[in-house]
N, C-alpha and C. Protein backbone atom coordinates (compact mmCIF):
# COMPACT_ATOMS: atom_id res chain seq x y z
N UNK A 1 0.85 -1.18 0.00
CA UNK A 1 0.00 0.00 0.00
C UNK A 1 0.89 1.24 0.00
N UNK A 2 0.55 2.19 -0.82
CA UNK A 2 1.29 3.44 -0.85
C UNK A 2 0.67 4.42 0.12
N UNK A 3 1.46 5.42 0.46
CA UNK A 3 0.97 6.46 1.37
C UNK A 3 -0.28 7.11 0.81
N UNK A 4 -0.35 7.29 -0.50
CA UNK A 4 -1.49 7.96 -1.12
C UNK A 4 -2.80 7.20 -0.91
N UNK A 5 -2.72 5.90 -0.65
CA UNK A 5 -3.92 5.09 -0.46
C UNK A 5 -4.18 4.77 1.01
N UNK A 6 -3.44 5.38 1.91
CA UNK A 6 -3.54 5.04 3.32
C UNK A 6 -4.89 5.43 3.93
N UNK A 7 -5.49 6.48 3.39
CA UNK A 7 -6.80 6.93 3.86
C UNK A 7 -7.77 6.87 2.69
N UNK A 8 -8.88 6.19 2.87
CA UNK A 8 -9.92 6.11 1.86
C UNK A 8 -11.04 7.05 2.29
N UNK A 9 -10.99 8.28 1.77
CA UNK A 9 -11.95 9.30 2.19
C UNK A 9 -13.39 8.88 1.86
N UNK A 10 -13.60 8.28 0.70
CA UNK A 10 -14.95 7.84 0.35
C UNK A 10 -15.47 6.82 1.35
N UNK A 11 -14.60 5.93 1.81
CA UNK A 11 -14.98 4.96 2.83
C UNK A 11 -15.27 5.66 4.16
N UNK A 12 -14.47 6.67 4.49
CA UNK A 12 -14.72 7.45 5.70
C UNK A 12 -16.15 8.01 5.69
N UNK A 13 -16.52 8.61 4.57
CA UNK A 13 -17.84 9.22 4.45
C UNK A 13 -18.93 8.14 4.49
N UNK A 14 -18.70 7.04 3.82
CA UNK A 14 -19.67 5.94 3.83
C UNK A 14 -19.89 5.42 5.25
N UNK A 15 -18.80 5.23 6.00
CA UNK A 15 -18.91 4.72 7.36
C UNK A 15 -19.60 5.71 8.30
N UNK A 16 -19.61 6.98 7.91
CA UNK A 16 -20.29 8.02 8.69
C UNK A 16 -21.68 8.30 8.13
N UNK A 17 -22.26 7.33 7.46
CA UNK A 17 -23.61 7.46 6.88
C UNK A 17 -23.73 8.65 5.94
N UNK A 18 -22.66 8.92 5.21
CA UNK A 18 -22.69 10.00 4.23
C UNK A 18 -22.51 11.39 4.81
N UNK A 19 -22.25 11.47 6.08
CA UNK A 19 -22.09 12.77 6.75
C UNK A 19 -20.61 13.17 6.74
N UNK A 20 -20.28 14.08 5.83
CA UNK A 20 -18.89 14.48 5.64
C UNK A 20 -18.30 15.11 6.91
N UNK A 21 -19.07 15.93 7.61
CA UNK A 21 -18.56 16.58 8.83
C UNK A 21 -18.22 15.53 9.89
N UNK A 22 -19.10 14.55 10.05
CA UNK A 22 -18.86 13.48 11.02
C UNK A 22 -17.65 12.65 10.60
N UNK A 23 -17.54 12.36 9.32
CA UNK A 23 -16.40 11.59 8.82
C UNK A 23 -15.09 12.33 9.11
N UNK A 24 -15.09 13.63 8.87
CA UNK A 24 -13.90 14.43 9.13
C UNK A 24 -13.58 14.44 10.62
N UNK A 25 -14.59 14.59 11.45
CA UNK A 25 -14.37 14.61 12.90
C UNK A 25 -13.80 13.28 13.40
N UNK A 26 -14.36 12.18 12.93
CA UNK A 26 -13.87 10.86 13.35
C UNK A 26 -12.44 10.62 12.88
N UNK A 27 -12.16 11.02 11.64
CA UNK A 27 -10.80 10.85 11.11
C UNK A 27 -9.82 11.70 11.91
N UNK A 28 -10.19 12.93 12.20
CA UNK A 28 -9.29 13.81 12.96
C UNK A 28 -9.05 13.28 14.37
N UNK A 29 -10.07 12.68 14.99
CA UNK A 29 -9.88 12.08 16.32
C UNK A 29 -8.86 10.94 16.25
N UNK A 30 -8.98 10.11 15.22
CA UNK A 30 -8.04 9.01 15.07
C UNK A 30 -6.63 9.54 14.82
N UNK A 31 -6.51 10.49 13.91
CA UNK A 31 -5.21 11.06 13.57
C UNK A 31 -4.54 11.64 14.81
N UNK A 32 -5.31 12.33 15.63
CA UNK A 32 -4.78 12.93 16.85
C UNK A 32 -4.20 11.88 17.79
N UNK A 33 -4.83 10.71 17.84
CA UNK A 33 -4.40 9.66 18.75
C UNK A 33 -3.30 8.74 18.20
N UNK A 34 -3.15 8.71 16.90
CA UNK A 34 -2.22 7.73 16.30
C UNK A 34 -0.78 7.83 16.77
N UNK A 35 -0.20 9.03 16.95
CA UNK A 35 1.19 9.05 17.42
C UNK A 35 1.37 8.38 18.79
N UNK A 36 0.44 8.62 19.71
CA UNK A 36 0.57 7.98 21.03
C UNK A 36 0.25 6.50 20.95
N UNK A 37 -0.67 6.12 20.07
CA UNK A 37 -0.98 4.70 19.87
C UNK A 37 0.25 3.98 19.35
N UNK A 38 0.90 4.57 18.37
CA UNK A 38 2.11 3.95 17.80
C UNK A 38 3.20 3.81 18.85
N UNK A 39 3.41 4.85 19.64
CA UNK A 39 4.42 4.81 20.70
C UNK A 39 4.09 3.72 21.72
N UNK A 40 2.83 3.61 22.06
CA UNK A 40 2.38 2.60 23.02
C UNK A 40 2.61 1.20 22.47
N UNK A 41 2.24 0.98 21.23
CA UNK A 41 2.43 -0.32 20.60
C UNK A 41 3.91 -0.68 20.57
N UNK A 42 4.73 0.28 20.20
CA UNK A 42 6.16 0.03 20.14
C UNK A 42 6.71 -0.32 21.51
N UNK A 43 6.32 0.43 22.52
CA UNK A 43 6.80 0.20 23.88
C UNK A 43 6.35 -1.16 24.41
N UNK A 44 5.09 -1.49 24.19
CA UNK A 44 4.56 -2.77 24.67
C UNK A 44 5.24 -3.95 23.97
N UNK A 45 5.49 -3.80 22.68
CA UNK A 45 6.19 -4.86 21.95
C UNK A 45 7.63 -4.99 22.44
N UNK A 46 8.31 -3.86 22.58
CA UNK A 46 9.71 -3.87 22.99
C UNK A 46 9.89 -4.48 24.37
N UNK A 47 8.94 -4.24 25.26
CA UNK A 47 9.03 -4.78 26.62
C UNK A 47 8.37 -6.15 26.73
N UNK A 48 7.91 -6.68 25.60
CA UNK A 48 7.31 -8.01 25.53
C UNK A 48 6.05 -8.13 26.40
N UNK A 49 5.32 -7.03 26.53
CA UNK A 49 4.07 -7.03 27.28
C UNK A 49 2.95 -7.36 26.30
N UNK A 50 2.88 -8.63 25.92
CA UNK A 50 1.99 -9.04 24.84
C UNK A 50 0.52 -8.98 25.22
N UNK A 51 0.20 -9.16 26.49
CA UNK A 51 -1.20 -9.06 26.92
C UNK A 51 -1.71 -7.63 26.74
N UNK A 52 -0.93 -6.66 27.19
CA UNK A 52 -1.33 -5.26 27.02
C UNK A 52 -1.27 -4.85 25.55
N UNK A 53 -0.31 -5.40 24.81
CA UNK A 53 -0.23 -5.11 23.38
C UNK A 53 -1.50 -5.59 22.69
N UNK A 54 -1.96 -6.76 23.04
CA UNK A 54 -3.21 -7.27 22.46
C UNK A 54 -4.37 -6.33 22.78
N UNK A 55 -4.44 -5.85 24.02
CA UNK A 55 -5.51 -4.91 24.40
C UNK A 55 -5.42 -3.62 23.60
N UNK A 56 -4.20 -3.10 23.43
CA UNK A 56 -4.01 -1.83 22.71
C UNK A 56 -4.36 -1.99 21.24
N UNK A 57 -3.95 -3.09 20.65
CA UNK A 57 -4.23 -3.35 19.23
C UNK A 57 -5.74 -3.55 19.04
N UNK A 58 -6.38 -4.21 19.98
CA UNK A 58 -7.83 -4.41 19.91
C UNK A 58 -8.55 -3.06 19.90
N UNK A 59 -8.13 -2.15 20.75
CA UNK A 59 -8.75 -0.81 20.78
C UNK A 59 -8.52 -0.07 19.46
N UNK A 60 -7.31 -0.19 18.92
CA UNK A 60 -7.02 0.46 17.64
C UNK A 60 -7.90 -0.13 16.55
N UNK A 61 -8.00 -1.45 16.53
CA UNK A 61 -8.85 -2.10 15.52
C UNK A 61 -10.28 -1.57 15.62
N UNK A 62 -10.79 -1.45 16.83
CA UNK A 62 -12.13 -0.92 17.03
C UNK A 62 -12.28 0.50 16.51
N UNK A 63 -11.28 1.33 16.77
CA UNK A 63 -11.33 2.72 16.31
C UNK A 63 -11.30 2.81 14.79
N UNK A 64 -10.65 1.87 14.13
CA UNK A 64 -10.55 1.92 12.67
C UNK A 64 -11.84 1.45 11.99
N UNK A 65 -12.75 0.89 12.74
CA UNK A 65 -14.02 0.43 12.16
C UNK A 65 -14.89 1.59 11.70
N UNK A 66 -14.60 2.77 12.18
CA UNK A 66 -15.44 3.94 11.88
C UNK A 66 -14.75 4.94 10.97
N UNK A 67 -13.56 4.59 10.51
CA UNK A 67 -12.77 5.49 9.69
C UNK A 67 -12.17 4.70 8.53
N UNK A 68 -12.03 5.33 7.40
CA UNK A 68 -11.53 4.65 6.21
C UNK A 68 -10.02 4.55 6.16
N UNK A 69 -9.49 3.69 7.01
CA UNK A 69 -8.05 3.39 6.99
C UNK A 69 -7.91 1.87 6.91
N UNK A 70 -8.25 1.30 5.76
CA UNK A 70 -8.37 -0.16 5.65
C UNK A 70 -7.10 -0.94 5.92
N UNK A 71 -5.95 -0.39 5.58
CA UNK A 71 -4.71 -1.12 5.81
C UNK A 71 -4.40 -1.23 7.30
N UNK A 72 -4.57 -0.14 8.03
CA UNK A 72 -4.34 -0.17 9.47
C UNK A 72 -5.33 -1.14 10.12
N UNK A 73 -6.58 -1.09 9.69
CA UNK A 73 -7.60 -1.97 10.24
C UNK A 73 -7.24 -3.44 10.01
N UNK A 74 -6.83 -3.78 8.81
CA UNK A 74 -6.51 -5.17 8.48
C UNK A 74 -5.29 -5.66 9.25
N UNK A 75 -4.26 -4.85 9.30
CA UNK A 75 -3.04 -5.27 10.00
C UNK A 75 -3.32 -5.38 11.51
N UNK A 76 -4.09 -4.45 12.05
CA UNK A 76 -4.44 -4.53 13.48
C UNK A 76 -5.22 -5.81 13.75
N UNK A 77 -6.13 -6.16 12.87
CA UNK A 77 -6.90 -7.39 13.02
C UNK A 77 -5.98 -8.62 12.96
N UNK A 78 -5.07 -8.62 12.00
CA UNK A 78 -4.13 -9.74 11.85
C UNK A 78 -3.21 -9.85 13.08
N UNK A 79 -2.74 -8.70 13.56
CA UNK A 79 -1.86 -8.71 14.73
C UNK A 79 -2.62 -9.17 15.97
N UNK A 80 -3.84 -8.71 16.13
CA UNK A 80 -4.64 -9.16 17.27
C UNK A 80 -4.81 -10.68 17.25
N UNK A 81 -5.09 -11.23 16.08
CA UNK A 81 -5.23 -12.68 15.94
C UNK A 81 -3.93 -13.40 16.29
N UNK A 82 -2.82 -12.88 15.80
CA UNK A 82 -1.52 -13.49 16.09
C UNK A 82 -1.21 -13.44 17.58
N UNK A 83 -1.57 -12.35 18.22
CA UNK A 83 -1.35 -12.23 19.66
C UNK A 83 -2.23 -13.20 20.43
N UNK A 84 -3.48 -13.33 20.03
CA UNK A 84 -4.38 -14.27 20.70
C UNK A 84 -3.88 -15.71 20.57
N UNK A 85 -3.28 -16.00 19.42
CA UNK A 85 -2.79 -17.36 19.16
C UNK A 85 -1.35 -17.54 19.64
N UNK A 86 -0.78 -16.45 20.18
CA UNK A 86 0.60 -16.46 20.63
C UNK A 86 1.54 -16.95 19.53
N UNK A 87 1.33 -16.43 18.33
CA UNK A 87 2.10 -16.83 17.15
C UNK A 87 3.37 -15.97 17.06
N UNK A 88 4.41 -16.41 17.73
CA UNK A 88 5.65 -15.64 17.83
C UNK A 88 6.30 -15.39 16.47
N UNK A 89 5.97 -16.21 15.48
CA UNK A 89 6.58 -16.02 14.16
C UNK A 89 5.96 -14.83 13.41
N UNK A 90 4.75 -14.44 13.75
CA UNK A 90 4.08 -13.36 13.04
C UNK A 90 4.07 -12.03 13.79
N UNK A 91 4.13 -12.07 15.10
CA UNK A 91 3.96 -10.86 15.91
C UNK A 91 4.97 -9.76 15.56
N UNK A 92 6.27 -10.05 15.47
CA UNK A 92 7.22 -8.97 15.16
C UNK A 92 6.96 -8.33 13.80
N UNK A 93 6.73 -9.15 12.79
CA UNK A 93 6.49 -8.62 11.45
C UNK A 93 5.23 -7.77 11.41
N UNK A 94 4.14 -8.28 11.99
CA UNK A 94 2.88 -7.55 11.97
C UNK A 94 2.96 -6.26 12.79
N UNK A 95 3.70 -6.28 13.89
CA UNK A 95 3.88 -5.06 14.68
C UNK A 95 4.60 -4.01 13.85
N UNK A 96 5.63 -4.43 13.15
CA UNK A 96 6.38 -3.52 12.29
C UNK A 96 5.48 -2.99 11.16
N UNK A 97 4.70 -3.87 10.56
CA UNK A 97 3.80 -3.45 9.48
C UNK A 97 2.76 -2.46 10.00
N UNK A 98 2.25 -2.69 11.21
CA UNK A 98 1.25 -1.79 11.78
C UNK A 98 1.86 -0.42 12.03
N UNK A 99 3.05 -0.37 12.56
CA UNK A 99 3.70 0.92 12.79
C UNK A 99 3.92 1.65 11.46
N UNK A 100 4.31 0.93 10.43
CA UNK A 100 4.51 1.55 9.11
C UNK A 100 3.18 2.04 8.54
N UNK A 101 2.12 1.26 8.71
CA UNK A 101 0.80 1.66 8.21
C UNK A 101 0.31 2.91 8.93
N UNK A 102 0.57 2.99 10.22
CA UNK A 102 0.20 4.21 10.98
C UNK A 102 0.96 5.41 10.43
N UNK A 103 2.26 5.24 10.18
CA UNK A 103 3.05 6.33 9.60
C UNK A 103 2.50 6.76 8.26
N UNK A 104 2.08 5.80 7.44
CA UNK A 104 1.52 6.13 6.13
C UNK A 104 0.23 6.94 6.27
N UNK A 105 -0.61 6.57 7.21
CA UNK A 105 -1.85 7.32 7.44
C UNK A 105 -1.52 8.75 7.87
N UNK A 106 -0.61 8.88 8.81
CA UNK A 106 -0.24 10.21 9.29
C UNK A 106 0.35 11.06 8.17
N UNK A 107 1.20 10.45 7.36
CA UNK A 107 1.81 11.18 6.24
C UNK A 107 0.75 11.56 5.21
N UNK A 108 -0.13 10.64 4.89
CA UNK A 108 -1.17 10.91 3.91
C UNK A 108 -2.09 12.02 4.40
N UNK A 109 -2.43 12.00 5.69
CA UNK A 109 -3.33 13.00 6.24
C UNK A 109 -2.76 14.42 6.08
N UNK A 110 -1.45 14.53 6.20
CA UNK A 110 -0.81 15.85 6.05
C UNK A 110 -0.94 16.40 4.63
N UNK A 111 -1.19 15.52 3.66
CA UNK A 111 -1.18 15.93 2.26
C UNK A 111 -2.55 15.89 1.58
N UNK A 112 -3.61 15.68 2.35
CA UNK A 112 -4.92 15.64 1.72
C UNK A 112 -5.76 16.83 2.18
N UNK A 113 -6.71 17.17 1.35
CA UNK A 113 -7.65 18.23 1.68
C UNK A 113 -9.04 17.60 1.69
N UNK A 114 -9.61 17.46 2.87
CA UNK A 114 -10.89 16.78 2.97
C UNK A 114 -12.05 17.73 3.27
N UNK A 115 -11.79 19.02 3.28
CA UNK A 115 -12.85 19.98 3.58
C UNK A 115 -13.69 20.27 2.37
């Protein structure tokens, strides 16, 4: 996925029942939280606190259900599954992919005009 496709604005609006103002508000709330979410995920992974990492990823996955960031949503879902299954072979890669996907969303948001 390229940075340009990190946010699907049409999906954002669809998920907000066609209400552009609500879609923008929900997206902005997510964007505001993403830097701290990423830092938290990184810290929890680095300290091997997999139970809390699973909780944090679950919350992120839930937040992405209302905003058009399909790549972050999919990777969060995959990582949550890997954590639940204690799949040590997938957790590092998926954590890295999730952090990259968050960066792509943040970068894309800086370059789009949704008003």
